[in-house]
């Protein structure tokens, strides 16, 4: 699961991988804290195919959206 930020219909940022509950929690926090500064901004939790790399800290990070 990944949290995607859409702006004017295109993906401009993503974060994850995470569980569905973590993604929805993060989305609610972002929307409550006023990060929706434009009308054409949309956050979405989606199951996407991604390339993942492990960072120095041992956490997984999304490198690229495959689909």
Protein backbone atom coordinates (compact mmCIF):
# COMPACT_ATOMS: atom_id res chain seq x y z
CA UNK A 1 0.00 0.00 0.00
CA UNK A 2 1.28 3.47 -0.82
CA UNK A 3 -0.01 6.99 -0.13
CA UNK A 4 -0.11 9.02 -3.33
CA UNK A 5 -0.43 12.78 -3.75
CA UNK A 6 -2.20 13.80 -6.95
CA UNK A 7 -2.01 17.35 -8.29
CA UNK A 8 -4.00 18.28 -11.39
CA UNK A 9 -4.61 14.59 -12.10
CA UNK A 10 -0.95 13.47 -12.01
CA UNK A 11 1.04 11.78 -9.24
CA UNK A 12 3.63 14.16 -7.84
CA UNK A 13 4.62 12.36 -4.63
CA UNK A 14 4.36 8.96 -2.96
CA UNK A 15 5.30 7.37 0.34
CA UNK A 16 5.30 3.86 1.72
CA UNK A 17 5.23 0.90 1.66
CA UNK A 18 2.83 0.54 4.58
CA UNK A 19 -0.28 -1.31 5.71
CA UNK A 20 -3.75 -0.07 4.76
CA UNK A 21 -4.48 1.12 8.31
CA UNK A 22 -1.17 3.06 8.46
CA UNK A 23 -1.91 4.66 5.10
CA UNK A 24 -5.43 5.74 6.05
CA UNK A 25 -4.17 7.11 9.38
CA UNK A 26 -1.50 9.19 7.63
CA UNK A 27 -4.04 10.43 5.05
CA UNK A 28 -6.46 11.55 7.80
CA UNK A 29 -3.68 13.36 9.67
CA UNK A 30 -2.55 15.20 6.54
CA UNK A 31 -6.08 16.26 5.62
CA UNK A 32 -6.91 17.37 9.19
CA UNK A 33 -3.76 19.48 9.47
CA UNK A 34 -4.66 21.54 6.40
CA UNK A 35 -2.20 20.19 3.86
CA UNK A 36 -4.89 20.45 1.21
CA UNK A 37 -3.89 23.90 -0.02
CA UNK A 38 -5.39 23.65 -3.52
CA UNK A 39 -8.70 22.39 -4.86
CA UNK A 40 -6.99 20.06 -7.34
CA UNK A 41 -4.91 18.30 -4.62
CA UNK A 42 -5.97 14.76 -3.70
CA UNK A 43 -4.46 12.09 -1.42
CA UNK A 44 -5.17 8.43 -2.10
CA UNK A 45 -4.18 5.11 -0.51
CA UNK A 46 -3.66 2.64 -3.33
CA UNK A 47 -2.23 -0.82 -3.82
CA UNK A 48 0.42 -0.32 -6.51
CA UNK A 49 3.30 -2.33 -7.91
CA UNK A 50 6.52 -0.62 -6.83
CA UNK A 51 10.28 -1.07 -6.72
CA UNK A 52 11.52 -1.09 -3.12
CA UNK A 53 15.01 -0.47 -1.73
CA UNK A 54 16.24 -0.92 1.83
CA UNK A 55 17.81 2.18 3.35
CA UNK A 56 20.74 2.45 5.75
CA UNK A 57 18.27 2.47 8.65
CA UNK A 58 16.87 -0.92 7.54
CA UNK A 59 13.48 0.50 6.45
CA UNK A 60 11.99 -0.12 3.02
CA UNK A 61 11.51 2.86 0.70
CA UNK A 62 9.70 3.11 -2.63
CA UNK A 63 12.15 3.84 -5.41
CA UNK A 64 9.76 3.79 -8.37
CA UNK A 65 6.11 3.16 -9.23
CA UNK A 66 6.04 0.28 -11.73
CA UNK A 67 2.43 0.50 -12.94
